[in-house]
């Protein structure tokens, strides 16, 4: 990656998330670190991977009280997201 400015980093992040299914957890962690170093918000992109193990294998569980519950198939971590 080397030295780059914020706009180049934003473009790299957008390109990275276009085909996320064939990325390794190590690559996902690296791109998240890049976003944090330039203070770039991932927004809804952060819901595409597990925050604990960075796996993209997420499984929908249920909706309860306006909250969507998703489970990681790799580490069984539960994530709860408010439904807008």
PDB file of N, CA and C in Angstrom:
ATOM      1  N   UNK A   1       0.819  -1.189   0.000  1.00  0.00           N
ATOM      2  CA  UNK A   1       0.000   0.000   0.000  1.00  0.00           C
ATOM      3  C   UNK A   1       0.862   1.250   0.000  1.00  0.00           C
ATOM      4  N   UNK A   2       1.826   1.325   0.875  1.00  0.00           N
ATOM      5  CA  UNK A   2       2.731   2.456   0.876  1.00  0.00           C
ATOM      6  C   UNK A   2       2.062   3.752   1.278  1.00  0.00           C
ATOM      7  N   UNK A   3       2.691   4.870   0.891  1.00  0.00           N
ATOM      8  CA  UNK A   3       2.129   6.180   1.213  1.00  0.00           C
ATOM      9  C   UNK A   3       1.050   6.542   0.208  1.00  0.00           C
ATOM     10  N   UNK A   4      -0.063   7.012   0.722  1.00  0.00           N
ATOM     11  CA  UNK A   4      -1.154   7.437  -0.151  1.00  0.00           C
ATOM     12  C   UNK A   4      -1.988   8.472   0.582  1.00  0.00           C
ATOM     13  N   UNK A   5      -2.801   9.187  -0.156  1.00  0.00           N
ATOM     14  CA  UNK A   5      -3.637  10.183   0.489  1.00  0.00           C
ATOM     15  C   UNK A   5      -5.022   9.593   0.770  1.00  0.00           C
ATOM     16  N   UNK A   6      -5.872  10.394   1.363  1.00  0.00           N
ATOM     17  CA  UNK A   6      -7.178   9.916   1.809  1.00  0.00           C
ATOM     18  C   UNK A   6      -8.071   9.487   0.646  1.00  0.00           C
ATOM     19  N   UNK A   7      -8.026  10.212  -0.461  1.00  0.00           N
ATOM     20  CA  UNK A   7      -8.862   9.871  -1.616  1.00  0.00           C
ATOM     21  C   UNK A   7      -8.438   8.533  -2.240  1.00  0.00           C
ATOM     22  N   UNK A   8      -7.127   8.293  -2.326  1.00  0.00           N
ATOM     23  CA  UNK A   8      -6.646   7.010  -2.847  1.00  0.00           C
ATOM     24  C   UNK A   8      -7.046   5.869  -1.923  1.00  0.00           C
ATOM     25  N   UNK A   9      -6.969   6.110  -0.624  1.00  0.00           N
ATOM     26  CA  UNK A   9      -7.367   5.093   0.347  1.00  0.00           C
ATOM     27  C   UNK A   9      -8.855   4.796   0.221  1.00  0.00           C
ATOM     28  N   UNK A  10      -9.687   5.829   0.063  1.00  0.00           N
ATOM     29  CA  UNK A  10     -11.134   5.641  -0.106  1.00  0.00           C
ATOM     30  C   UNK A  10     -11.435   4.818  -1.364  1.00  0.00           C
ATOM     31  N   UNK A  11     -10.701   5.089  -2.448  1.00  0.00           N
ATOM     32  CA  UNK A  11     -10.893   4.343  -3.697  1.00  0.00           C
ATOM     33  C   UNK A  11     -10.481   2.882  -3.522  1.00  0.00           C
ATOM     34  N   UNK A  12      -9.375   2.640  -2.829  1.00  0.00           N
ATOM     35  CA  UNK A  12      -8.927   1.269  -2.562  1.00  0.00           C
ATOM     36  C   UNK A  12      -9.963   0.496  -1.740  1.00  0.00           C
ATOM     37  N   UNK A  13     -10.573   1.153  -0.763  1.00  0.00           N
ATOM     38  CA  UNK A  13     -11.577   0.516   0.085  1.00  0.00           C
ATOM     39  C   UNK A  13     -12.819   0.170  -0.730  1.00  0.00           C
ATOM     40  N   UNK A  14     -13.265   1.104  -1.595  1.00  0.00           N
ATOM     41  CA  UNK A  14     -14.438   0.847  -2.438  1.00  0.00           C
ATOM     42  C   UNK A  14     -14.179  -0.339  -3.374  1.00  0.00           C
ATOM     43  N   UNK A  15     -12.996  -0.385  -3.994  1.00  0.00           N
ATOM     44  CA  UNK A  15     -12.660  -1.491  -4.888  1.00  0.00           C
ATOM     45  C   UNK A  15     -12.580  -2.818  -4.133  1.00  0.00           C
ATOM     46  N   UNK A  16     -12.066  -2.765  -2.915  1.00  0.00           N
ATOM     47  CA  UNK A  16     -11.916  -3.974  -2.102  1.00  0.00           C
ATOM     48  C   UNK A  16     -13.274  -4.609  -1.785  1.00  0.00           C
ATOM     49  N   UNK A  17     -14.268  -3.785  -1.451  1.00  0.00           N
ATOM     50  CA  UNK A  17     -15.562  -4.304  -1.021  1.00  0.00           C
ATOM     51  C   UNK A  17     -16.476  -4.703  -2.183  1.00  0.00           C
ATOM     52  N   UNK A  18     -16.032  -4.531  -3.437  1.00  0.00           N
ATOM     53  CA  UNK A  18     -16.866  -4.947  -4.567  1.00  0.00           C
ATOM     54  C   UNK A  18     -16.989  -6.456  -4.662  1.00  0.00           C
ATOM     55  N   UNK A  19     -15.902  -7.182  -4.387  1.00  0.00           N
ATOM     56  CA  UNK A  19     -15.950  -8.652  -4.384  1.00  0.00           C
ATOM     57  C   UNK A  19     -15.330  -9.162  -3.084  1.00  0.00           C
ATOM     58  N   UNK A  20     -16.123  -9.141  -2.042  1.00  0.00           N
ATOM     59  CA  UNK A  20     -15.632  -9.454  -0.696  1.00  0.00           C
ATOM     60  C   UNK A  20     -15.584 -10.956  -0.422  1.00  0.00           C
ATOM     61  N   UNK A  21     -16.359 -11.759  -1.133  1.00  0.00           N
ATOM     62  CA  UNK A  21     -16.496 -13.186  -0.812  1.00  0.00           C
ATOM     63  C   UNK A  21     -15.184 -13.962  -0.947  1.00  0.00           C
ATOM     64  N   UNK A  22     -14.302 -13.572  -1.868  1.00  0.00           N
ATOM     65  CA  UNK A  22     -13.056 -14.318  -2.023  1.00  0.00           C
ATOM     66  C   UNK A  22     -11.868 -13.634  -1.341  1.00  0.00           C
ATOM     67  N   UNK A  23     -12.133 -12.905  -0.261  1.00  0.00           N
ATOM     68  CA  UNK A  23     -11.056 -12.258   0.490  1.00  0.00           C
ATOM     69  C   UNK A  23     -10.798 -13.028   1.788  1.00  0.00           C
ATOM     70  N   UNK A  24      -9.540 -13.018   2.223  1.00  0.00           N
ATOM     71  CA  UNK A  24      -9.184 -13.691   3.470  1.00  0.00           C
ATOM     72  C   UNK A  24      -9.394 -12.739   4.647  1.00  0.00           C
ATOM     73  N   UNK A  25      -9.568 -13.303   5.851  1.00  0.00           N
ATOM     74  CA  UNK A  25      -9.713 -12.446   7.037  1.00  0.00           C
ATOM     75  C   UNK A  25      -8.526 -11.501   7.245  1.00  0.00           C
ATOM     76  N   UNK A  26      -7.339 -11.942   6.852  1.00  0.00           N
ATOM     77  CA  UNK A  26      -6.149 -11.098   6.997  1.00  0.00           C
ATOM     78  C   UNK A  26      -6.249  -9.855   6.103  1.00  0.00           C
ATOM     79  N   UNK A  27      -6.756 -10.035   4.878  1.00  0.00           N
ATOM     80  CA  UNK A  27      -6.927  -8.905   3.960  1.00  0.00           C
ATOM     81  C   UNK A  27      -8.006  -7.948   4.464  1.00  0.00           C
ATOM     82  N   UNK A  28      -9.075  -8.496   5.038  1.00  0.00           N
ATOM     83  CA  UNK A  28     -10.150  -7.657   5.573  1.00  0.00           C
ATOM     84  C   UNK A  28      -9.639  -6.818   6.742  1.00  0.00           C
ATOM     85  N   UNK A  29      -8.853  -7.443   7.611  1.00  0.00           N
ATOM     86  CA  UNK A  29      -8.290  -6.713   8.756  1.00  0.00           C
ATOM     87  C   UNK A  29      -7.367  -5.597   8.278  1.00  0.00           C
ATOM     88  N   UNK A  30      -6.594  -5.862   7.217  1.00  0.00           N
ATOM     89  CA  UNK A  30      -5.666  -4.866   6.679  1.00  0.00           C
ATOM     90  C   UNK A  30      -6.418  -3.662   6.105  1.00  0.00           C
ATOM     91  N   UNK A  31      -7.533  -3.915   5.392  1.00  0.00           N
ATOM     92  CA  UNK A  31      -8.284  -2.812   4.785  1.00  0.00           C
ATOM     93  C   UNK A  31      -9.028  -2.025   5.860  1.00  0.00           C
ATOM     94  N   UNK A  32      -9.462  -2.702   6.932  1.00  0.00           N
ATOM     95  CA  UNK A  32     -10.114  -2.010   8.039  1.00  0.00           C
ATOM     96  C   UNK A  32      -9.107  -1.095   8.752  1.00  0.00           C
ATOM     97  N   UNK A  33      -7.898  -1.572   8.919  1.00  0.00           N
ATOM     98  CA  UNK A  33      -6.848  -0.762   9.532  1.00  0.00           C
ATOM     99  C   UNK A  33      -6.532   0.453   8.673  1.00  0.00           C
ATOM    100  N   UNK A  34      -6.531   0.278   7.339  1.00  0.00           N
ATOM    101  CA  UNK A  34      -6.316   1.396   6.417  1.00  0.00           C
ATOM    102  C   UNK A  34      -7.414   2.442   6.591  1.00  0.00           C
ATOM    103  N   UNK A  35      -8.661   1.990   6.684  1.00  0.00           N
ATOM    104  CA  UNK A  35      -9.781   2.916   6.872  1.00  0.00           C
ATOM    105  C   UNK A  35      -9.666   3.657   8.199  1.00  0.00           C
ATOM    106  N   UNK A  36      -9.260   2.960   9.243  1.00  0.00           N
ATOM    107  CA  UNK A  36      -9.121   3.608  10.551  1.00  0.00           C
ATOM    108  C   UNK A  36      -7.980   4.621  10.549  1.00  0.00           C
ATOM    109  N   UNK A  37      -6.890   4.323   9.828  1.00  0.00           N
ATOM    110  CA  UNK A  37      -5.741   5.230   9.831  1.00  0.00           C
ATOM    111  C   UNK A  37      -6.060   6.547   9.126  1.00  0.00           C
ATOM    112  N   UNK A  38      -6.977   6.526   8.142  1.00  0.00           N
ATOM    113  CA  UNK A  38      -7.378   7.748   7.450  1.00  0.00           C
ATOM    114  C   UNK A  38      -8.709   8.291   7.948  1.00  0.00           C
ATOM    115  N   UNK A  39      -9.254   7.694   9.012  1.00  0.00           N
ATOM    116  CA  UNK A  39     -10.531   8.117   9.599  1.00  0.00           C
ATOM    117  C   UNK A  39     -11.654   8.083   8.558  1.00  0.00           C
ATOM    118  N   UNK A  40     -11.711   6.980   7.800  1.00  0.00           N
ATOM    119  CA  UNK A  40     -12.753   6.766   6.798  1.00  0.00           C
ATOM    120  C   UNK A  40     -13.795   5.832   7.396  1.00  0.00           C
ATOM    121  N   UNK A  41     -15.051   6.247   7.399  1.00  0.00           N
ATOM    122  CA  UNK A  41     -16.112   5.430   7.960  1.00  0.00           C
ATOM    123  C   UNK A  41     -16.522   4.357   6.955  1.00  0.00           C
ATOM    124  N   UNK A  42     -16.648   3.110   7.425  1.00  0.00           N
ATOM    125  CA  UNK A  42     -17.055   2.014   6.550  1.00  0.00           C
ATOM    126  C   UNK A  42     -18.566   1.960   6.368  1.00  0.00           C
ATOM    127  N   UNK A  43     -19.320   2.476   7.315  1.00  0.00           N
ATOM    128  CA  UNK A  43     -20.775   2.512   7.198  1.00  0.00           C
ATOM    129  C   UNK A  43     -21.367   1.114   7.136  1.00  0.00           C
ATOM    130  N   UNK A  44     -22.187   0.849   6.117  1.00  0.00           N
ATOM    131  CA  UNK A  44     -22.841  -0.451   5.987  1.00  0.00           C
ATOM    132  C   UNK A  44     -21.875  -1.557   5.560  1.00  0.00           C
ATOM    133  N   UNK A  45     -20.698  -1.198   5.097  1.00  0.00           N
ATOM    134  CA  UNK A  45     -19.717  -2.215   4.699  1.00  0.00           C
ATOM    135  C   UNK A  45     -19.240  -3.027   5.892  1.00  0.00           C
ATOM    136  N   UNK A  46     -19.283  -2.444   7.077  1.00  0.00           N
ATOM    137  CA  UNK A  46     -18.807  -3.157   8.260  1.00  0.00           C
ATOM    138  C   UNK A  46     -19.735  -4.305   8.651  1.00  0.00           C
ATOM    139  N   UNK A  47     -20.950  -4.310   8.103  1.00  0.00           N
ATOM    140  CA  UNK A  47     -21.895  -5.386   8.398  1.00  0.00           C
ATOM    141  C   UNK A  47     -21.684  -6.602   7.497  1.00  0.00           C
ATOM    142  N   UNK A  48     -20.720  -6.537   6.602  1.00  0.00           N
ATOM    143  CA  UNK A  48     -20.481  -7.633   5.676  1.00  0.00           C
ATOM    144  C   UNK A  48     -19.444  -8.628   6.190  1.00  0.00           C
ATOM    145  N   UNK A  49     -18.836  -8.345   7.352  1.00  0.00           N
ATOM    146  CA  UNK A  49     -17.858  -9.267   7.926  1.00  0.00           C
ATOM    147  C   UNK A  49     -17.972  -9.256   9.444  1.00  0.00           C
ATOM    148  N   UNK A  50     -17.495 -10.334  10.055  1.00  0.00           N
ATOM    149  CA  UNK A  50     -17.545 -10.478  11.511  1.00  0.00           C
ATOM    150  C   UNK A  50     -16.483  -9.570  12.148  1.00  0.00           C
ATOM    151  N   UNK A  51     -16.857  -8.790  13.173  1.00  0.00           N
ATOM    152  CA  UNK A  51     -15.870  -7.916  13.806  1.00  0.00           C
ATOM    153  C   UNK A  51     -14.872  -8.669  14.684  1.00  0.00           C
ATOM    154  N   UNK A  52     -15.165  -9.914  14.994  1.00  0.00           N
ATOM    155  CA  UNK A  52     -14.299 -10.693  15.883  1.00  0.00           C
ATOM    156  C   UNK A  52     -13.234 -11.472  15.112  1.00  0.00           C
ATOM    157  N   UNK A  53     -13.661 -12.201  14.052  1.00  0.00           N
ATOM    158  CA  UNK A  53     -12.714 -13.045  13.323  1.00  0.00           C
ATOM    159  C   UNK A  53     -12.528 -12.609  11.865  1.00  0.00           C
ATOM    160  N   UNK A  54     -13.247 -11.565  11.420  1.00  0.00           N
ATOM    161  CA  UNK A  54     -13.151 -10.995  10.068  1.00  0.00           C
ATOM    162  C   UNK A  54     -13.569 -11.979   8.969  1.00  0.00           C
ATOM    163  N   UNK A  55     -14.411 -12.943   9.302  1.00  0.00           N
ATOM    164  CA  UNK A  55     -14.935 -13.881   8.320  1.00  0.00           C
ATOM    165  C   UNK A  55     -16.134 -13.263   7.605  1.00  0.00           C
ATOM    166  N   UNK A  56     -16.366 -13.658   6.350  1.00  0.00           N
ATOM    167  CA  UNK A  56     -17.522 -13.147   5.612  1.00  0.00           C
ATOM    168  C   UNK A  56     -18.688 -14.126   5.635  1.00  0.00           C
ATOM    169  N   UNK A  57     -18.561 -15.214   6.380  1.00  0.00           N
ATOM    170  CA  UNK A  57     -19.614 -16.229   6.457  1.00  0.00           C
ATOM    171  C   UNK A  57     -20.593 -15.876   7.567  1.00  0.00           C
ATOM    172  N   UNK A  58     -21.568 -15.021   7.242  1.00  0.00           N
ATOM    173  CA  UNK A  58     -22.570 -14.599   8.210  1.00  0.00           C
ATOM    174  C   UNK A  58     -23.898 -15.267   7.897  1.00  0.00           C
ATOM    175  N   UNK A  59     -24.629 -15.632   8.941  1.00  0.00           N
ATOM    176  CA  UNK A  59     -25.901 -16.317   8.775  1.00  0.00           C
ATOM    177  C   UNK A  59     -26.978 -15.559   9.550  1.00  0.00           C
ATOM    178  N   UNK A  60     -28.085 -15.237   8.856  1.00  0.00           N
ATOM    179  CA  UNK A  60     -29.205 -14.540   9.479  1.00  0.00           C
ATOM    180  C   UNK A  60     -29.868 -15.461  10.501  1.00  0.00           C
ATOM    181  N   UNK A  61     -30.166 -14.941  11.697  1.00  0.00           N
ATOM    182  CA  UNK A  61     -30.823 -15.739  12.729  1.00  0.00           C
ATOM    183  C   UNK A  61     -32.297 -15.364  12.878  1.00  0.00           C
ATOM    184  N   UNK A  62     -32.566 -14.104  13.297  1.00  0.00           N
ATOM    185  CA  UNK A  62     -33.961 -13.702  13.492  1.00  0.00           C
ATOM    186  C   UNK A  62     -34.070 -12.187  13.606  1.00  0.00           C
ATOM    187  N   UNK A  63     -35.329 -11.718  13.568  1.00  0.00           N
ATOM    188  CA  UNK A  63     -35.642 -10.313  13.815  1.00  0.00           C
ATOM    189  C   UNK A  63     -36.518 -10.278  15.055  1.00  0.00           C
ATOM    190  N   UNK A  64     -36.141  -9.442  16.009  1.00  0.00           N
ATOM    191  CA  UNK A  64     -36.898  -9.346  17.256  1.00  0.00           C
ATOM    192  C   UNK A  64     -36.813  -7.915  17.772  1.00  0.00           C
ATOM    193  N   UNK A  65     -37.975  -7.315  18.039  1.00  0.00           N
ATOM    194  CA  UNK A  65     -38.063  -5.957  18.589  1.00  0.00           C
ATOM    195  C   UNK A  65     -37.276  -4.930  17.762  1.00  0.00           C
ATOM    196  N   UNK A  66     -37.373  -5.002  16.444  1.00  0.00           N
ATOM    197  CA  UNK A  66     -36.697  -4.039  15.582  1.00  0.00           C
ATOM    198  C   UNK A  66     -35.204  -4.235  15.499  1.00  0.00           C
ATOM    199  N   UNK A  67     -34.716  -5.426  15.883  1.00  0.00           N
ATOM    200  CA  UNK A  67     -33.292  -5.717  15.849  1.00  0.00           C
ATOM    201  C   UNK A  67     -33.055  -6.966  15.012  1.00  0.00           C
ATOM    202  N   UNK A  68     -32.132  -6.892  14.077  1.00  0.00           N
ATOM    203  CA  UNK A  68     -31.760  -8.039  13.255  1.00  0.00           C
ATOM    204  C   UNK A  68     -30.572  -8.725  13.920  1.00  0.00           C
ATOM    205  N   UNK A  69     -30.677 -10.035  14.115  1.00  0.00           N
ATOM    206  CA  UNK A  69     -29.612 -10.790  14.764  1.00  0.00           C
ATOM    207  C   UNK A  69     -28.951 -11.689  13.721  1.00  0.00           C
ATOM    208  N   UNK A  70     -27.634 -11.554  13.603  1.00  0.00           N
ATOM    209  CA  UNK A  70     -26.846 -12.305  12.620  1.00  0.00           C
ATOM    210  C   UNK A  70     -25.743 -13.042  13.369  1.00  0.00           C
ATOM    211  N   UNK A  71     -25.471 -14.283  12.932  1.00  0.00           N
ATOM    212  CA  UNK A  71     -24.449 -15.099  13.588  1.00  0.00           C
ATOM    213  C   UNK A  71     -23.323 -15.404  12.612  1.00  0.00           C
ATOM    214  N   UNK A  72     -22.105 -15.364  13.099  1.00  0.00           N
ATOM    215  CA  UNK A  72     -20.939 -15.744  12.295  1.00  0.00           C
ATOM    216  C   UNK A  72     -20.846 -17.270  12.306  1.00  0.00           C
ATOM    217  N   UNK A  73     -20.729 -17.872  11.125  1.00  0.00           N
ATOM    218  CA  UNK A  73     -20.630 -19.326  11.041  1.00  0.00           C
ATOM    219  C   UNK A  73     -19.261 -19.830  11.480  1.00  0.00           C
ATOM    220  N   UNK A  74     -18.274 -18.970  11.470  1.00  0.00           N
ATOM    221  CA  UNK A  74     -16.915 -19.367  11.806  1.00  0.00           C
ATOM    222  C   UNK A  74     -16.677 -19.397  13.317  1.00  0.00           C
ATOM    223  N   UNK A  75     -17.072 -18.311  14.030  1.00  0.00           N
ATOM    224  CA  UNK A  75     -16.772 -18.215  15.458  1.00  0.00           C
ATOM    225  C   UNK A  75     -18.027 -18.147  16.335  1.00  0.00           C
ATOM    226  N   UNK A  76     -19.213 -18.224  15.750  1.00  0.00           N
ATOM    227  CA  UNK A  76     -20.509 -18.185  16.459  1.00  0.00           C
ATOM    228  C   UNK A  76     -20.751 -16.879  17.206  1.00  0.00           C
ATOM    229  N   UNK A  77     -20.103 -15.810  16.791  1.00  0.00           N
ATOM    230  CA  UNK A  77     -20.321 -14.498  17.388  1.00  0.00           C
ATOM    231  C   UNK A  77     -21.667 -13.948  16.926  1.00  0.00           C
ATOM    232  N   UNK A  78     -22.463 -13.414  17.847  1.00  0.00           N
ATOM    233  CA  UNK A  78     -23.752 -12.829  17.502  1.00  0.00           C
ATOM    234  C   UNK A  78     -23.611 -11.331  17.353  1.00  0.00           C
ATOM    235  N   UNK A  79     -24.223 -10.793  16.297  1.00  0.00           N
ATOM    236  CA  UNK A  79     -24.219  -9.356  16.072  1.00  0.00           C
ATOM    237  C   UNK A  79     -25.665  -8.890  16.002  1.00  0.00           C
ATOM    238  N   UNK A  80     -25.958  -7.791  16.641  1.00  0.00           N
ATOM    239  CA  UNK A  80     -27.303  -7.240  16.656  1.00  0.00           C
ATOM    240  C   UNK A  80     -27.276  -5.865  16.013  1.00  0.00           C
ATOM    241  N   UNK A  81     -28.110  -5.698  14.975  1.00  0.00           N
ATOM    242  CA  UNK A  81     -28.170  -4.430  14.256  1.00  0.00           C
ATOM    243  C   UNK A  81     -29.585  -3.918  14.272  1.00  0.00           C
ATOM    244  N   UNK A  82     -29.753  -2.634  14.544  1.00  0.00           N
ATOM    245  CA  UNK A  82     -31.081  -2.016  14.496  1.00  0.00           C
ATOM    246  C   UNK A  82     -31.550  -1.949  13.050  1.00  0.00           C
ATOM    247  N   UNK A  83     -32.842  -2.184  12.865  1.00  0.00           N
ATOM    248  CA  UNK A  83     -33.440  -2.079  11.534  1.00  0.00           C
ATOM    249  C   UNK A  83     -33.998  -0.675  11.382  1.00  0.00           C
ATOM    250  N   UNK A  84     -33.637  -0.014  10.292  1.00  0.00           N
ATOM    251  CA  UNK A  84     -34.073   1.365  10.077  1.00  0.00           C
ATOM    252  C   UNK A  84     -35.496   1.396   9.560  1.00  0.00           C
TER     253      UNK A  84
END
